[in-house]
Amino acid sequence: MSAADAQRRQLVKAYFPNQKEASEVGEAAIHRKGFGYEIEGLSQNAIIAMTKEAGTPTPPSLGER
């Protein structure tokens, strides 16, 4: 796993407390009509990971500074 992938995974884990919540948000984003984008050509896991990574803007944590 590359350093960038490892960093992305850590960001995802920091934003979503558990796999179930992350999956629910990803599923909602996939099926949403009129809000966001229609995505083709990506796996469900890739879409969920990107949704988790995007999250809401927050200031950097003390560890990220």
N, C-alpha and C. Protein backbone atom coordinates (compact mmCIF):
# COMPACT_ATOMS: atom_id res chain seq x y z
N MET A 1 0.85 -1.16 0.00
CA MET A 1 0.00 0.00 0.00
C MET A 1 0.90 1.24 0.00
N SER A 2 0.56 2.19 -0.83
CA SER A 2 1.36 3.41 -0.91
C SER A 2 1.11 4.30 0.31
N ALA A 3 2.00 5.23 0.52
CA ALA A 3 1.83 6.17 1.64
C ALA A 3 0.57 7.00 1.47
N ALA A 4 0.25 7.37 0.23
CA ALA A 4 -0.97 8.16 -0.02
C ALA A 4 -2.21 7.35 0.32
N ASP A 5 -2.23 6.07 -0.05
CA ASP A 5 -3.38 5.22 0.28
C ASP A 5 -3.52 5.06 1.79
N ALA A 6 -2.41 4.87 2.46
CA ALA A 6 -2.45 4.73 3.93
C ALA A 6 -2.97 6.00 4.57
N GLN A 7 -2.55 7.16 4.06
CA GLN A 7 -3.03 8.42 4.61
C GLN A 7 -4.53 8.59 4.36
N ARG A 8 -5.01 8.22 3.16
CA ARG A 8 -6.44 8.30 2.85
C ARG A 8 -7.24 7.42 3.81
N ARG A 9 -6.75 6.23 4.05
CA ARG A 9 -7.47 5.32 4.96
C ARG A 9 -7.56 5.91 6.37
N GLN A 10 -6.50 6.54 6.83
CA GLN A 10 -6.52 7.16 8.15
C GLN A 10 -7.52 8.31 8.21
N LEU A 11 -7.60 9.09 7.13
CA LEU A 11 -8.58 10.18 7.08
C LEU A 11 -10.00 9.64 7.13
N VAL A 12 -10.23 8.55 6.39
CA VAL A 12 -11.56 7.94 6.38
C VAL A 12 -11.91 7.43 7.77
N LYS A 13 -10.99 6.76 8.41
CA LYS A 13 -11.25 6.22 9.75
C LYS A 13 -11.51 7.34 10.75
N ALA A 14 -10.87 8.49 10.57
CA ALA A 14 -11.07 9.61 11.48
C ALA A 14 -12.45 10.23 11.31
N TYR A 15 -12.98 10.19 10.09
CA TYR A 15 -14.26 10.86 9.83
C TYR A 15 -15.46 9.99 10.19
N PHE A 16 -15.39 8.71 9.88
CA PHE A 16 -16.51 7.80 10.14
C PHE A 16 -16.14 6.85 11.27
N PRO A 17 -16.99 6.78 12.30
CA PRO A 17 -16.68 5.94 13.45
C PRO A 17 -16.73 4.45 13.17
N ASN A 18 -17.50 4.04 12.15
CA ASN A 18 -17.58 2.61 11.86
C ASN A 18 -17.90 2.35 10.39
N GLN A 19 -17.70 1.12 9.98
CA GLN A 19 -17.92 0.71 8.59
C GLN A 19 -19.37 0.89 8.16
N LYS A 20 -20.30 0.61 9.06
CA LYS A 20 -21.72 0.70 8.73
C LYS A 20 -22.09 2.13 8.33
N GLU A 21 -21.67 3.11 9.13
CA GLU A 21 -21.99 4.50 8.83
C GLU A 21 -21.37 4.94 7.51
N ALA A 22 -20.14 4.55 7.27
CA ALA A 22 -19.47 4.90 6.02
C ALA A 22 -20.20 4.31 4.82
N SER A 23 -20.62 3.06 4.95
CA SER A 23 -21.35 2.40 3.87
C SER A 23 -22.69 3.07 3.60
N GLU A 24 -23.38 3.47 4.67
CA GLU A 24 -24.68 4.13 4.50
C GLU A 24 -24.53 5.46 3.77
N VAL A 25 -23.51 6.23 4.13
CA VAL A 25 -23.28 7.51 3.48
C VAL A 25 -22.91 7.29 2.01
N GLY A 26 -22.07 6.31 1.76
CA GLY A 26 -21.68 6.00 0.38
C GLY A 26 -22.87 5.55 -0.44
N GLU A 27 -23.71 4.70 0.12
CA GLU A 27 -24.91 4.24 -0.60
C GLU A 27 -25.85 5.40 -0.90
N ALA A 28 -26.04 6.27 0.08
CA ALA A 28 -26.92 7.42 -0.13
C ALA A 28 -26.38 8.32 -1.24
N ALA A 29 -25.07 8.50 -1.27
CA ALA A 29 -24.47 9.35 -2.30
C ALA A 29 -24.62 8.73 -3.69
N ILE A 30 -24.53 7.41 -3.76
CA ILE A 30 -24.64 6.73 -5.05
C ILE A 30 -26.05 6.88 -5.61
N HIS A 31 -27.05 6.80 -4.76
CA HIS A 31 -28.44 6.78 -5.22
C HIS A 31 -29.11 8.15 -5.23
N ARG A 32 -28.43 9.17 -4.81
CA ARG A 32 -28.99 10.51 -4.75
C ARG A 32 -29.21 11.04 -6.17
N LYS A 33 -30.35 11.59 -6.42
CA LYS A 33 -30.66 12.17 -7.74
C LYS A 33 -30.81 13.67 -7.59
N GLY A 34 -30.17 14.42 -8.44
CA GLY A 34 -30.29 15.86 -8.41
C GLY A 34 -29.36 16.56 -7.45
N PHE A 35 -28.67 15.82 -6.64
CA PHE A 35 -27.72 16.41 -5.70
C PHE A 35 -26.39 15.70 -5.88
N GLY A 36 -25.42 16.36 -6.42
CA GLY A 36 -24.13 15.73 -6.63
C GLY A 36 -23.97 15.25 -8.06
N TYR A 37 -23.32 14.12 -8.23
CA TYR A 37 -22.96 13.64 -9.55
C TYR A 37 -23.39 12.19 -9.72
N GLU A 38 -23.64 11.84 -10.97
CA GLU A 38 -23.84 10.43 -11.31
C GLU A 38 -22.45 9.88 -11.63
N ILE A 39 -22.09 8.79 -11.03
CA ILE A 39 -20.74 8.25 -11.18
C ILE A 39 -20.81 6.91 -11.88
N GLU A 40 -20.00 6.76 -12.93
CA GLU A 40 -19.91 5.48 -13.63
C GLU A 40 -18.45 5.11 -13.77
N GLY A 41 -18.19 3.83 -13.80
CA GLY A 41 -16.84 3.36 -14.03
C GLY A 41 -15.99 3.20 -12.78
N LEU A 42 -16.58 3.43 -11.60
CA LEU A 42 -15.85 3.23 -10.35
C LEU A 42 -16.54 2.15 -9.53
N SER A 43 -15.76 1.42 -8.76
CA SER A 43 -16.36 0.41 -7.90
C SER A 43 -17.06 1.08 -6.74
N GLN A 44 -17.97 0.37 -6.12
CA GLN A 44 -18.69 0.91 -4.97
C GLN A 44 -17.71 1.27 -3.85
N ASN A 45 -16.71 0.43 -3.64
CA ASN A 45 -15.73 0.70 -2.59
C ASN A 45 -14.96 1.99 -2.86
N ALA A 46 -14.62 2.25 -4.13
CA ALA A 46 -13.90 3.48 -4.48
C ALA A 46 -14.78 4.70 -4.23
N ILE A 47 -16.05 4.59 -4.57
CA ILE A 47 -16.97 5.71 -4.36
C ILE A 47 -17.15 5.98 -2.86
N ILE A 48 -17.32 4.93 -2.09
CA ILE A 48 -17.47 5.08 -0.64
C ILE A 48 -16.21 5.71 -0.04
N ALA A 49 -15.06 5.26 -0.48
CA ALA A 49 -13.80 5.82 0.04
C ALA A 49 -13.68 7.30 -0.28
N MET A 50 -14.05 7.68 -1.50
CA MET A 50 -13.98 9.10 -1.87
C MET A 50 -15.00 9.93 -1.09
N THR A 51 -16.18 9.37 -0.86
CA THR A 51 -17.19 10.09 -0.09
C THR A 51 -16.69 10.31 1.33
N LYS A 52 -16.11 9.27 1.92
CA LYS A 52 -15.58 9.39 3.27
C LYS A 52 -14.45 10.40 3.33
N GLU A 53 -13.59 10.35 2.33
CA GLU A 53 -12.43 11.23 2.33
C GLU A 53 -12.86 12.70 2.18
N ALA A 54 -13.89 12.95 1.39
CA ALA A 54 -14.34 14.32 1.17
C ALA A 54 -14.89 14.93 2.45
N GLY A 55 -15.79 14.23 3.11
CA GLY A 55 -16.32 14.68 4.39
C GLY A 55 -16.74 16.13 4.40
N THR A 56 -16.68 16.72 5.57
CA THR A 56 -16.98 18.13 5.72
C THR A 56 -15.68 18.85 6.04
N PRO A 57 -15.52 20.08 5.58
CA PRO A 57 -14.28 20.80 5.85
C PRO A 57 -14.10 21.04 7.35
N THR A 58 -12.96 20.70 7.84
CA THR A 58 -12.64 20.92 9.25
C THR A 58 -11.20 21.44 9.34
N PRO A 59 -10.91 22.19 10.35
CA PRO A 59 -9.52 22.64 10.51
C PRO A 59 -8.62 21.43 10.81
N PRO A 60 -7.35 21.53 10.49
CA PRO A 60 -6.45 20.40 10.76
C PRO A 60 -6.35 20.12 12.27
N SER A 61 -6.23 18.85 12.59
CA SER A 61 -6.06 18.48 13.99
C SER A 61 -4.65 18.84 14.44
N LEU A 62 -4.40 18.73 15.72
CA LEU A 62 -3.06 19.03 16.22
C LEU A 62 -2.03 18.11 15.58
N GLY A 63 -2.39 16.85 15.35
CA GLY A 63 -1.47 15.91 14.73
C GLY A 63 -1.17 16.22 13.27
N GLU A 64 -2.13 16.86 12.58
CA GLU A 64 -1.95 17.19 11.17
C GLU A 64 -1.17 18.48 10.95
N ARG A 65 -1.06 19.31 11.99
CA ARG A 65 -0.38 20.61 11.82
C ARG A 65 1.08 20.47 11.72
